[in-house]
Amino acid sequence: MSRRCDVCGKGPLSSASRSHSNIKSKRRLYLNLQVKRIEGKRKKVCANCLKTMSKTT
């Protein structure tokens, strides 16, 4: 199951987690995905797309 928005196609970003001693380790920043029923099908949609869709409809 991919962590990707079915509407805009955005996926997770990579970033660095910094410790107190400033040591860098890789981490992933995931999207705020919500499962919504759109046009009769269940889709994973990011919160940003949901906000935009509520403005246009």
N, C-alpha and C. Protein backbone atom coordinates (compact mmCIF):
# COMPACT_ATOMS: atom_id res chain seq x y z
N MET A 1 0.85 -1.17 0.00
CA MET A 1 0.00 0.00 0.00
C MET A 1 0.89 1.23 0.00
N SER A 2 0.85 2.00 -1.08
CA SER A 2 1.74 3.14 -1.19
C SER A 2 1.19 4.34 -0.44
N ARG A 3 2.09 5.13 0.08
CA ARG A 3 1.70 6.36 0.78
C ARG A 3 1.78 7.50 -0.21
N ARG A 4 0.85 7.51 -1.13
CA ARG A 4 0.84 8.49 -2.21
C ARG A 4 -0.58 8.97 -2.41
N CYS A 5 -0.74 10.26 -2.68
CA CYS A 5 -2.06 10.84 -2.92
C CYS A 5 -2.56 10.40 -4.30
N ASP A 6 -3.81 9.89 -4.35
CA ASP A 6 -4.37 9.44 -5.62
C ASP A 6 -4.80 10.60 -6.50
N VAL A 7 -4.92 11.80 -5.95
CA VAL A 7 -5.37 12.96 -6.74
C VAL A 7 -4.18 13.71 -7.34
N CYS A 8 -3.25 14.15 -6.50
CA CYS A 8 -2.14 14.97 -7.00
C CYS A 8 -0.85 14.18 -7.21
N GLY A 9 -0.76 12.98 -6.64
CA GLY A 9 0.43 12.15 -6.84
C GLY A 9 1.59 12.45 -5.91
N LYS A 10 1.37 13.29 -4.90
CA LYS A 10 2.43 13.59 -3.95
C LYS A 10 2.79 12.36 -3.14
N GLY A 11 4.08 12.22 -2.82
CA GLY A 11 4.56 11.12 -2.02
C GLY A 11 5.35 11.63 -0.83
N PRO A 12 5.94 10.74 -0.04
CA PRO A 12 6.70 11.17 1.13
C PRO A 12 7.99 11.88 0.75
N LEU A 13 8.41 12.80 1.60
CA LEU A 13 9.66 13.54 1.41
C LEU A 13 10.72 12.95 2.32
N SER A 14 11.98 13.18 1.97
CA SER A 14 13.05 12.75 2.86
C SER A 14 13.62 13.98 3.55
N SER A 15 14.00 13.79 4.80
CA SER A 15 14.49 14.90 5.60
C SER A 15 15.54 14.36 6.56
N ALA A 16 16.06 15.24 7.40
CA ALA A 16 17.06 14.84 8.39
C ALA A 16 16.51 15.09 9.78
N SER A 17 16.69 14.11 10.64
CA SER A 17 16.35 14.26 12.05
C SER A 17 17.64 14.64 12.77
N ARG A 18 17.57 15.68 13.58
CA ARG A 18 18.76 16.16 14.28
C ARG A 18 18.66 15.87 15.76
N SER A 19 19.69 15.26 16.32
CA SER A 19 19.71 14.96 17.74
C SER A 19 20.21 16.19 18.51
N HIS A 20 20.24 16.06 19.82
CA HIS A 20 20.71 17.16 20.66
C HIS A 20 22.17 17.50 20.36
N SER A 21 22.96 16.48 20.00
CA SER A 21 24.37 16.72 19.67
C SER A 21 24.55 17.03 18.19
N ASN A 22 23.47 17.30 17.49
CA ASN A 22 23.46 17.73 16.09
C ASN A 22 23.87 16.62 15.12
N ILE A 23 23.74 15.36 15.54
CA ILE A 23 23.99 14.24 14.64
C ILE A 23 22.79 14.09 13.71
N LYS A 24 23.09 13.90 12.44
CA LYS A 24 22.03 13.83 11.43
C LYS A 24 21.72 12.38 11.11
N SER A 25 20.41 12.05 11.07
CA SER A 25 19.99 10.73 10.61
C SER A 25 18.78 10.91 9.70
N LYS A 26 18.68 10.06 8.70
CA LYS A 26 17.61 10.21 7.71
C LYS A 26 16.26 9.81 8.29
N ARG A 27 15.22 10.53 7.86
CA ARG A 27 13.86 10.21 8.23
C ARG A 27 12.95 10.55 7.08
N ARG A 28 11.70 10.10 7.13
CA ARG A 28 10.75 10.38 6.06
C ARG A 28 9.61 11.22 6.60
N LEU A 29 9.20 12.20 5.83
CA LEU A 29 8.05 13.04 6.18
C LEU A 29 6.88 12.55 5.34
N TYR A 30 5.87 11.98 5.99
CA TYR A 30 4.73 11.42 5.29
C TYR A 30 3.62 12.45 5.15
N LEU A 31 2.79 12.25 4.14
CA LEU A 31 1.65 13.13 3.91
C LEU A 31 0.54 12.84 4.91
N ASN A 32 -0.35 13.79 5.05
CA ASN A 32 -1.54 13.61 5.87
C ASN A 32 -2.62 13.00 4.97
N LEU A 33 -2.58 11.67 4.82
CA LEU A 33 -3.50 10.98 3.91
C LEU A 33 -4.78 10.60 4.62
N GLN A 34 -5.90 10.82 3.94
CA GLN A 34 -7.22 10.46 4.43
C GLN A 34 -7.86 9.54 3.38
N VAL A 35 -8.57 8.52 3.82
CA VAL A 35 -9.27 7.65 2.88
C VAL A 35 -10.68 8.20 2.72
N LYS A 36 -11.02 8.63 1.51
CA LYS A 36 -12.33 9.22 1.22
C LYS A 36 -12.94 8.53 0.02
N ARG A 37 -14.25 8.52 -0.02
CA ARG A 37 -14.97 7.94 -1.15
C ARG A 37 -15.25 9.07 -2.14
N ILE A 38 -14.62 8.98 -3.32
CA ILE A 38 -14.78 9.99 -4.37
C ILE A 38 -15.28 9.28 -5.61
N GLU A 39 -16.42 9.73 -6.11
CA GLU A 39 -17.06 9.16 -7.30
C GLU A 39 -17.28 7.65 -7.14
N GLY A 40 -17.66 7.23 -5.93
CA GLY A 40 -17.97 5.83 -5.68
C GLY A 40 -16.78 4.93 -5.44
N LYS A 41 -15.57 5.47 -5.43
CA LYS A 41 -14.37 4.66 -5.20
C LYS A 41 -13.61 5.20 -4.00
N ARG A 42 -13.02 4.27 -3.23
CA ARG A 42 -12.21 4.69 -2.09
C ARG A 42 -10.85 5.15 -2.60
N LYS A 43 -10.46 6.37 -2.23
CA LYS A 43 -9.18 6.91 -2.65
C LYS A 43 -8.45 7.49 -1.45
N LYS A 44 -7.12 7.40 -1.51
CA LYS A 44 -6.30 8.04 -0.49
C LYS A 44 -5.97 9.45 -0.99
N VAL A 45 -6.43 10.44 -0.24
CA VAL A 45 -6.30 11.83 -0.66
C VAL A 45 -5.58 12.61 0.44
N CYS A 46 -4.63 13.46 0.05
CA CYS A 46 -3.95 14.27 1.05
C CYS A 46 -4.87 15.39 1.52
N ALA A 47 -4.62 15.88 2.72
CA ALA A 47 -5.48 16.90 3.34
C ALA A 47 -5.47 18.18 2.52
N ASN A 48 -4.36 18.45 1.85
CA ASN A 48 -4.27 19.65 1.02
C ASN A 48 -5.25 19.56 -0.16
N CYS A 49 -5.36 18.40 -0.79
CA CYS A 49 -6.29 18.21 -1.90
C CYS A 49 -7.73 18.28 -1.41
N LEU A 50 -8.00 17.71 -0.22
CA LEU A 50 -9.35 17.76 0.34
C LEU A 50 -9.79 19.20 0.57
N LYS A 51 -8.87 20.01 1.07
CA LYS A 51 -9.17 21.42 1.31
C LYS A 51 -9.47 22.14 0.00
N THR A 52 -8.69 21.85 -1.03
CA THR A 52 -8.90 22.47 -2.34
C THR A 52 -10.22 22.01 -2.95
N MET A 53 -10.53 20.70 -2.82
CA MET A 53 -11.77 20.18 -3.38
C MET A 53 -13.00 20.78 -2.70
N SER A 54 -12.91 21.05 -1.40
CA SER A 54 -14.05 21.65 -0.70
C SER A 54 -14.24 23.10 -1.13
N LYS A 55 -13.19 23.77 -1.56
CA LYS A 55 -13.32 25.15 -2.05
C LYS A 55 -14.02 25.18 -3.41
N THR A 56 -13.69 24.22 -4.28
CA THR A 56 -14.20 24.27 -5.64
C THR A 56 -15.63 23.74 -5.76
N THR A 57 -16.08 22.91 -4.81
CA THR A 57 -17.43 22.37 -4.91
C THR A 57 -18.39 23.08 -3.97
